Amino acid sequence: MLPEVLGNFGGLRLDAAVVSCTGSHYLLTPEGDQALCAELSERVGAPVRSAALAILDTARAVGAERLVLISPYEPWLTELSRAYWESAGLTVDRVVKVRAGARFSPYDVTTDQLVAQVREAELPEDATLLFTGTGMFTFDALTELGRDSGQTLLTSNLASAWWARDVLGIPAEGPDAHPLLRRLAERTGAAAAASS
């Protein structure tokens, strides 16, 4: 189905595409995800990346080897997510299970609920936090959490934007880049300096 969807843009030539559904890609494993994206890239004639692989690319760019998952998923899907990241070579130190009221529902978690639950978890300042789920509204929450924290903050949508800008040669630290992308650019610069 994805090849048909990606080929359905008529005369519009794609420079790159991101498949923004992480849950289904967790089932593929990182190797299967890579193979699918390579096949899609060849068929479409442009780079194609899943949001999950974009997260891996961004985590590697910032030098992250360990993650704290911030998950609004039902427990079974949180475990699939954890297994994906660990099979990609990342260590998941902790999972913060985020609820919308009394239930798991990524689309219903409010900014206030998300910020409060992350702060209540008292996570280390040097942690890399991965907010899972493309459907959870994280934009305002990350802006708020970034004000009072030195933590590296990743989401599937932010990582997808990072990957797309990178593959298209558009600097993430440019004047038109969102502050959250510029924050990641600072982290990648620090990671590059540390490895050289």
C-alpha atoms as a PDB file:
ATOM      1  CA  MET A   1       0.000   0.000   0.000  1.00  0.00           C
ATOM      2  CA  LEU A   2       2.820   2.458   0.791  1.00  0.00           C
ATOM      3  CA  PRO A   3       4.273   2.312  -2.747  1.00  0.00           C
ATOM      4  CA  GLU A   4       0.850   3.197  -4.154  1.00  0.00           C
ATOM      5  CA  VAL A   5       0.395   6.068  -1.694  1.00  0.00           C
ATOM      6  CA  LEU A   6       3.860   7.459  -2.358  1.00  0.00           C
ATOM      7  CA  GLY A   7       3.343   7.100  -6.108  1.00  0.00           C
ATOM      8  CA  ASN A   8       0.011   8.908  -5.958  1.00  0.00           C
ATOM      9  CA  PHE A   9       1.322  12.479  -6.127  1.00  0.00           C
ATOM     10  CA  GLY A  10       0.710  12.818  -9.860  1.00  0.00           C
ATOM     11  CA  GLY A  11       3.260  15.071 -11.516  1.00  0.00           C
ATOM     12  CA  LEU A  12       4.657  16.278  -8.196  1.00  0.00           C
ATOM     13  CA  ARG A  13       8.235  15.041  -7.835  1.00  0.00           C
ATOM     14  CA  LEU A  14       9.125  14.094  -4.284  1.00  0.00           C
ATOM     15  CA  ASP A  15      12.546  15.095  -2.953  1.00  0.00           C
ATOM     16  CA  ALA A  16      12.079  12.909   0.134  1.00  0.00           C
ATOM     17  CA  ALA A  17       9.265  11.325   2.145  1.00  0.00           C
ATOM     18  CA  VAL A  18       8.744  10.252   5.751  1.00  0.00           C
ATOM     19  CA  VAL A  19       6.307   7.502   6.723  1.00  0.00           C
ATOM     20  CA  SER A  20       4.959   8.807  10.019  1.00  0.00           C
ATOM     21  CA  CYS A  21       3.458   5.776  11.698  1.00  0.00           C
ATOM     22  CA  THR A  22       5.888   4.346  14.225  1.00  0.00           C
ATOM     23  CA  GLY A  23       3.643   1.643  15.678  1.00  0.00           C
ATOM     24  CA  SER A  24       3.486  -0.497  12.542  1.00  0.00           C
ATOM     25  CA  HIS A  25       7.243  -0.135  11.964  1.00  0.00           C
ATOM     26  CA  TYR A  26       8.041  -1.489  15.437  1.00  0.00           C
ATOM     27  CA  LEU A  27       6.771  -4.831  14.137  1.00  0.00           C
ATOM     28  CA  LEU A  28       9.344  -4.801  11.328  1.00  0.00           C
ATOM     29  CA  THR A  29      12.438  -4.515  13.574  1.00  0.00           C
ATOM     30  CA  PRO A  30      15.064  -1.931  12.571  1.00  0.00           C
ATOM     31  CA  GLU A  31      16.514  -4.261   9.905  1.00  0.00           C
ATOM     32  CA  GLY A  32      13.118  -4.899   8.349  1.00  0.00           C
ATOM     33  CA  ASP A  33      12.330  -1.202   8.536  1.00  0.00           C
ATOM     34  CA  GLN A  34      15.607  -0.378   6.742  1.00  0.00           C
ATOM     35  CA  ALA A  35      14.809  -2.926   4.021  1.00  0.00           C
ATOM     36  CA  LEU A  36      11.289  -1.557   3.513  1.00  0.00           C
ATOM     37  CA  CYS A  37      12.530   2.037   3.311  1.00  0.00           C
ATOM     38  CA  ALA A  38      15.289   1.048   0.867  1.00  0.00           C
ATOM     39  CA  GLU A  39      12.697  -0.663  -1.354  1.00  0.00           C
ATOM     40  CA  LEU A  40      10.353   2.339  -1.140  1.00  0.00           C
ATOM     41  CA  SER A  41      13.208   4.741  -1.919  1.00  0.00           C
ATOM     42  CA  GLU A  42      14.070   2.780  -5.038  1.00  0.00           C
ATOM     43  CA  ARG A  43      10.470   2.599  -6.219  1.00  0.00           C
ATOM     44  CA  VAL A  44       9.761   6.273  -5.537  1.00  0.00           C
ATOM     45  CA  GLY A  45      13.102   7.552  -6.804  1.00  0.00           C
ATOM     46  CA  ALA A  46      13.683   9.651  -3.685  1.00  0.00           C
ATOM     47  CA  PRO A  47      14.859   8.936  -0.129  1.00  0.00           C
ATOM     48  CA  VAL A  48      12.106   7.452   2.060  1.00  0.00           C
ATOM     49  CA  ARG A  49      12.494   7.050   5.810  1.00  0.00           C
ATOM     50  CA  SER A  50      10.148   5.835   8.494  1.00  0.00           C
ATOM     51  CA  ALA A  51       9.677   8.059  11.531  1.00  0.00           C
ATOM     52  CA  ALA A  52      11.218   5.286  13.634  1.00  0.00           C
ATOM     53  CA  LEU A  53      14.388   5.243  11.508  1.00  0.00           C
ATOM     54  CA  ALA A  54      14.471   9.051  11.556  1.00  0.00           C
ATOM     55  CA  ILE A  55      14.480   8.814  15.360  1.00  0.00           C
ATOM     56  CA  LEU A  56      17.417   6.385  15.199  1.00  0.00           C
ATOM     57  CA  ASP A  57      19.285   8.714  12.827  1.00  0.00           C
ATOM     58  CA  THR A  58      18.684  11.684  15.123  1.00  0.00           C
ATOM     59  CA  ALA A  59      19.585   9.748  18.276  1.00  0.00           C
ATOM     60  CA  ARG A  60      22.880   8.731  16.665  1.00  0.00           C
ATOM     61  CA  ALA A  61      23.528  12.298  15.489  1.00  0.00           C
ATOM     62  CA  VAL A  62      23.181  13.621  19.048  1.00  0.00           C
ATOM     63  CA  GLY A  63      25.341  10.794  20.401  1.00  0.00           C
ATOM     64  CA  ALA A  64      22.544   9.147  22.385  1.00  0.00           C
ATOM     65  CA  GLU A  65      23.148   5.577  23.452  1.00  0.00           C
ATOM     66  CA  ARG A  66      20.503   5.495  26.184  1.00  0.00           C
ATOM     67  CA  LEU A  67      16.856   6.560  26.140  1.00  0.00           C
ATOM     68  CA  VAL A  68      14.037   7.268  28.519  1.00  0.00           C
ATOM     69  CA  LEU A  69      10.773   6.448  26.750  1.00  0.00           C
ATOM     70  CA  ILE A  70       7.883   8.797  27.423  1.00  0.00           C
ATOM     71  CA  SER A  71       5.025   6.619  26.232  1.00  0.00           C
ATOM     72  CA  PRO A  72       1.278   7.275  25.937  1.00  0.00           C
ATOM     73  CA  TYR A  73       0.791   3.811  24.431  1.00  0.00           C
ATOM     74  CA  GLU A  74      -0.990   0.826  25.887  1.00  0.00           C
ATOM     75  CA  PRO A  75       1.607  -1.361  27.661  1.00  0.00           C
ATOM     76  CA  TRP A  76       1.821  -3.931  24.828  1.00  0.00           C
ATOM     77  CA  LEU A  77       2.717  -1.227  22.289  1.00  0.00           C
ATOM     78  CA  THR A  78       5.171   0.381  24.704  1.00  0.00           C
ATOM     79  CA  GLU A  79       6.944  -2.985  24.921  1.00  0.00           C
ATOM     80  CA  LEU A  80       7.080  -3.259  21.108  1.00  0.00           C
ATOM     81  CA  SER A  81       8.601   0.210  21.060  1.00  0.00           C
ATOM     82  CA  ARG A  82      11.168  -0.716  23.696  1.00  0.00           C
ATOM     83  CA  ALA A  83      12.114  -3.877  21.800  1.00  0.00           C
ATOM     84  CA  TYR A  84      12.621  -1.888  18.581  1.00  0.00           C
ATOM     85  CA  TRP A  85      14.989   0.637  20.187  1.00  0.00           C
ATOM     86  CA  GLU A  86      16.914  -2.036  22.058  1.00  0.00           C
ATOM     87  CA  SER A  87      17.321  -4.193  18.954  1.00  0.00           C
ATOM     88  CA  ALA A  88      18.759  -1.078  17.269  1.00  0.00           C
ATOM     89  CA  GLY A  89      21.465  -0.984  19.948  1.00  0.00           C
ATOM     90  CA  LEU A  90      20.023   1.687  22.250  1.00  0.00           C
ATOM     91  CA  THR A  91      19.553   1.050  25.963  1.00  0.00           C
ATOM     92  CA  VAL A  92      16.162   1.956  27.390  1.00  0.00           C
ATOM     93  CA  ASP A  93      16.878   3.028  30.956  1.00  0.00           C
ATOM     94  CA  ARG A  94      13.328   3.783  31.947  1.00  0.00           C
ATOM     95  CA  VAL A  95       9.769   4.088  30.675  1.00  0.00           C
ATOM     96  CA  VAL A  96       7.496   6.897  31.834  1.00  0.00           C
ATOM     97  CA  LYS A  97       3.939   5.798  31.121  1.00  0.00           C
ATOM     98  CA  VAL A  98       1.893   8.877  30.263  1.00  0.00           C
ATOM     99  CA  ARG A  99      -1.854   8.797  30.717  1.00  0.00           C
ATOM    100  CA  ALA A 100      -4.702  10.971  29.570  1.00  0.00           C
ATOM    101  CA  GLY A 101      -6.598  10.984  32.828  1.00  0.00           C
ATOM    102  CA  ALA A 102      -6.870   7.331  33.862  1.00  0.00           C
ATOM    103  CA  ARG A 103      -6.272   5.771  30.444  1.00  0.00           C
ATOM    104  CA  PHE A 104      -3.668   5.421  27.725  1.00  0.00           C
ATOM    105  CA  SER A 105      -4.648   7.540  24.729  1.00  0.00           C
ATOM    106  CA  PRO A 106      -1.936   9.401  22.777  1.00  0.00           C
ATOM    107  CA  TYR A 107      -4.440  11.708  21.091  1.00  0.00           C
ATOM    108  CA  ASP A 108      -6.018  12.805  24.360  1.00  0.00           C
ATOM    109  CA  VAL A 109      -2.933  13.650  26.441  1.00  0.00           C
ATOM    110  CA  THR A 110      -2.969  17.391  27.076  1.00  0.00           C
ATOM    111  CA  THR A 111       0.139  19.551  27.188  1.00  0.00           C
ATOM    112  CA  ASP A 112      -0.361  20.144  30.915  1.00  0.00           C
ATOM    113  CA  GLN A 113      -0.731  16.407  31.606  1.00  0.00           C
ATOM    114  CA  LEU A 114       2.372  15.579  29.592  1.00  0.00           C
ATOM    115  CA  VAL A 115       4.542  18.275  31.182  1.00  0.00           C
ATOM    116  CA  ALA A 116       3.360  17.384  34.696  1.00  0.00           C
ATOM    117  CA  GLN A 117       3.978  13.653  34.289  1.00  0.00           C
ATOM    118  CA  VAL A 118       7.456  14.165  32.838  1.00  0.00           C
ATOM    119  CA  ARG A 119       8.398  16.568  35.637  1.00  0.00           C
ATOM    120  CA  GLU A 120       7.004  14.206  38.292  1.00  0.00           C
ATOM    121  CA  ALA A 121       9.300  11.454  36.956  1.00  0.00           C
ATOM    122  CA  GLU A 122      12.358  13.508  38.057  1.00  0.00           C
ATOM    123  CA  LEU A 123      14.521  12.392  35.157  1.00  0.00           C
ATOM    124  CA  PRO A 124      18.287  13.053  35.026  1.00  0.00           C
ATOM    125  CA  GLU A 125      19.461  16.280  33.389  1.00  0.00           C
ATOM    126  CA  ASP A 126      21.660  14.383  30.928  1.00  0.00           C
ATOM    127  CA  ALA A 127      18.899  11.994  29.794  1.00  0.00           C
ATOM    128  CA  THR A 128      17.678  11.672  26.222  1.00  0.00           C
ATOM    129  CA  LEU A 129      13.890  11.626  26.349  1.00  0.00           C
ATOM    130  CA  LEU A 130      12.014   9.996  23.469  1.00  0.00           C
ATOM    131  CA  PHE A 131       8.351  10.950  23.373  1.00  0.00           C
ATOM    132  CA  THR A 132       6.852   8.046  21.438  1.00  0.00           C
ATOM    133  CA  GLY A 133       3.851   8.221  19.166  1.00  0.00           C
ATOM    134  CA  THR A 134       3.286  10.510  16.206  1.00  0.00           C
ATOM    135  CA  GLY A 135      -0.206  11.316  17.496  1.00  0.00           C
ATOM    136  CA  MET A 136       0.664  12.757  20.906  1.00  0.00           C
ATOM    137  CA  PHE A 137       0.703  16.564  20.906  1.00  0.00           C
ATOM    138  CA  THR A 138       4.244  17.331  21.993  1.00  0.00           C
ATOM    139  CA  PHE A 139       5.140  20.645  20.383  1.00  0.00           C
ATOM    140  CA  ASP A 140       4.124  22.959  23.235  1.00  0.00           C
ATOM    141  CA  ALA A 141       5.194  20.420  25.868  1.00  0.00           C
ATOM    142  CA  LEU A 142       8.726  20.214  24.482  1.00  0.00           C
ATOM    143  CA  THR A 143       8.961  23.991  24.328  1.00  0.00           C
ATOM    144  CA  GLU A 144       7.918  24.149  27.991  1.00  0.00           C
ATOM    145  CA  LEU A 145      10.181  21.305  29.122  1.00  0.00           C
ATOM    146  CA  GLY A 146      13.108  22.700  27.164  1.00  0.00           C
ATOM    147  CA  ARG A 147      12.995  25.964  29.120  1.00  0.00           C
ATOM    148  CA  ASP A 148      14.041  24.385  32.389  1.00  0.00           C
ATOM    149  CA  SER A 149      16.026  21.336  31.300  1.00  0.00           C
ATOM    150  CA  GLY A 150      19.254  20.389  29.598  1.00  0.00           C
ATOM    151  CA  GLN A 151      17.782  17.076  28.483  1.00  0.00           C
ATOM    152  CA  THR A 152      17.801  16.020  24.844  1.00  0.00           C
ATOM    153  CA  LEU A 153      14.169  15.921  23.720  1.00  0.00           C
ATOM    154  CA  LEU A 154      13.159  13.744  20.750  1.00  0.00           C
ATOM    155  CA  THR A 155       9.837  13.016  19.113  1.00  0.00           C
ATOM    156  CA  SER A 156       9.024  11.160  15.925  1.00  0.00           C
ATOM    157  CA  ASN A 157       7.826  14.371  14.268  1.00  0.00           C
ATOM    158  CA  LEU A 158      10.857  16.392  15.359  1.00  0.00           C
ATOM    159  CA  ALA A 159      13.217  13.617  14.225  1.00  0.00           C
ATOM    160  CA  SER A 160      11.363  13.377  10.909  1.00  0.00           C
ATOM    161  CA  ALA A 161      11.837  17.109  10.354  1.00  0.00           C
ATOM    162  CA  TRP A 162      15.496  16.744  11.365  1.00  0.00           C
ATOM    163  CA  TRP A 163      16.035  13.892   8.884  1.00  0.00           C
ATOM    164  CA  ALA A 164      14.186  15.657   6.047  1.00  0.00           C
ATOM    165  CA  ARG A 165      16.209  18.856   6.482  1.00  0.00           C
ATOM    166  CA  ASP A 166      19.426  16.835   6.690  1.00  0.00           C
ATOM    167  CA  VAL A 167      18.755  14.728   3.592  1.00  0.00           C
ATOM    168  CA  LEU A 168      17.751  17.855   1.646  1.00  0.00           C
ATOM    169  CA  GLY A 169      20.800  19.805   2.838  1.00  0.00           C
ATOM    170  CA  ILE A 170      18.823  22.417   4.786  1.00  0.00           C
ATOM    171  CA  PRO A 171      20.696  23.300   7.998  1.00  0.00           C
ATOM    172  CA  ALA A 172      18.764  22.749  11.221  1.00  0.00           C
ATOM    173  CA  GLU A 173      20.476  25.726  12.787  1.00  0.00           C
ATOM    174  CA  GLY A 174      19.313  28.140  10.087  1.00  0.00           C
ATOM    175  CA  PRO A 175      17.256  31.250  10.877  1.00  0.00           C
ATOM    176  CA  ASP A 176      14.053  29.624   9.607  1.00  0.00           C
ATOM    177  CA  ALA A 177      14.518  26.514  11.775  1.00  0.00           C
ATOM    178  CA  HIS A 178      12.302  26.041  14.803  1.00  0.00           C
ATOM    179  CA  PRO A 179      14.059  26.471  18.183  1.00  0.00           C
ATOM    180  CA  LEU A 180      13.604  22.749  18.935  1.00  0.00           C
ATOM    181  CA  LEU A 181      15.529  21.880  15.745  1.00  0.00           C
ATOM    182  CA  ARG A 182      18.219  24.417  16.618  1.00  0.00           C
ATOM    183  CA  ARG A 183      18.475  22.805  20.063  1.00  0.00           C
ATOM    184  CA  LEU A 184      19.089  19.433  18.387  1.00  0.00           C
ATOM    185  CA  ALA A 185      21.670  21.050  16.095  1.00  0.00           C
ATOM    186  CA  GLU A 186      23.560  22.239  19.184  1.00  0.00           C
ATOM    187  CA  ARG A 187      23.484  18.678  20.537  1.00  0.00           C
ATOM    188  CA  THR A 188      24.798  17.207  17.275  1.00  0.00           C
ATOM    189  CA  GLY A 189      27.618  19.743  17.238  1.00  0.00           C
ATOM    190  CA  ALA A 190      28.537  18.774  20.797  1.00  0.00           C
ATOM    191  CA  ALA A 191      28.390  15.067  19.899  1.00  0.00           C
ATOM    192  CA  ALA A 192      30.626  15.605  16.858  1.00  0.00           C
ATOM    193  CA  ALA A 193      33.158  17.568  18.939  1.00  0.00           C
ATOM    194  CA  ALA A 194      33.195  14.845  21.616  1.00  0.00           C
ATOM    195  CA  SER A 195      33.874  12.088  19.083  1.00  0.00           C
ATOM    196  CA  SER A 196      36.771  13.870  17.349  1.00  0.00           C
END
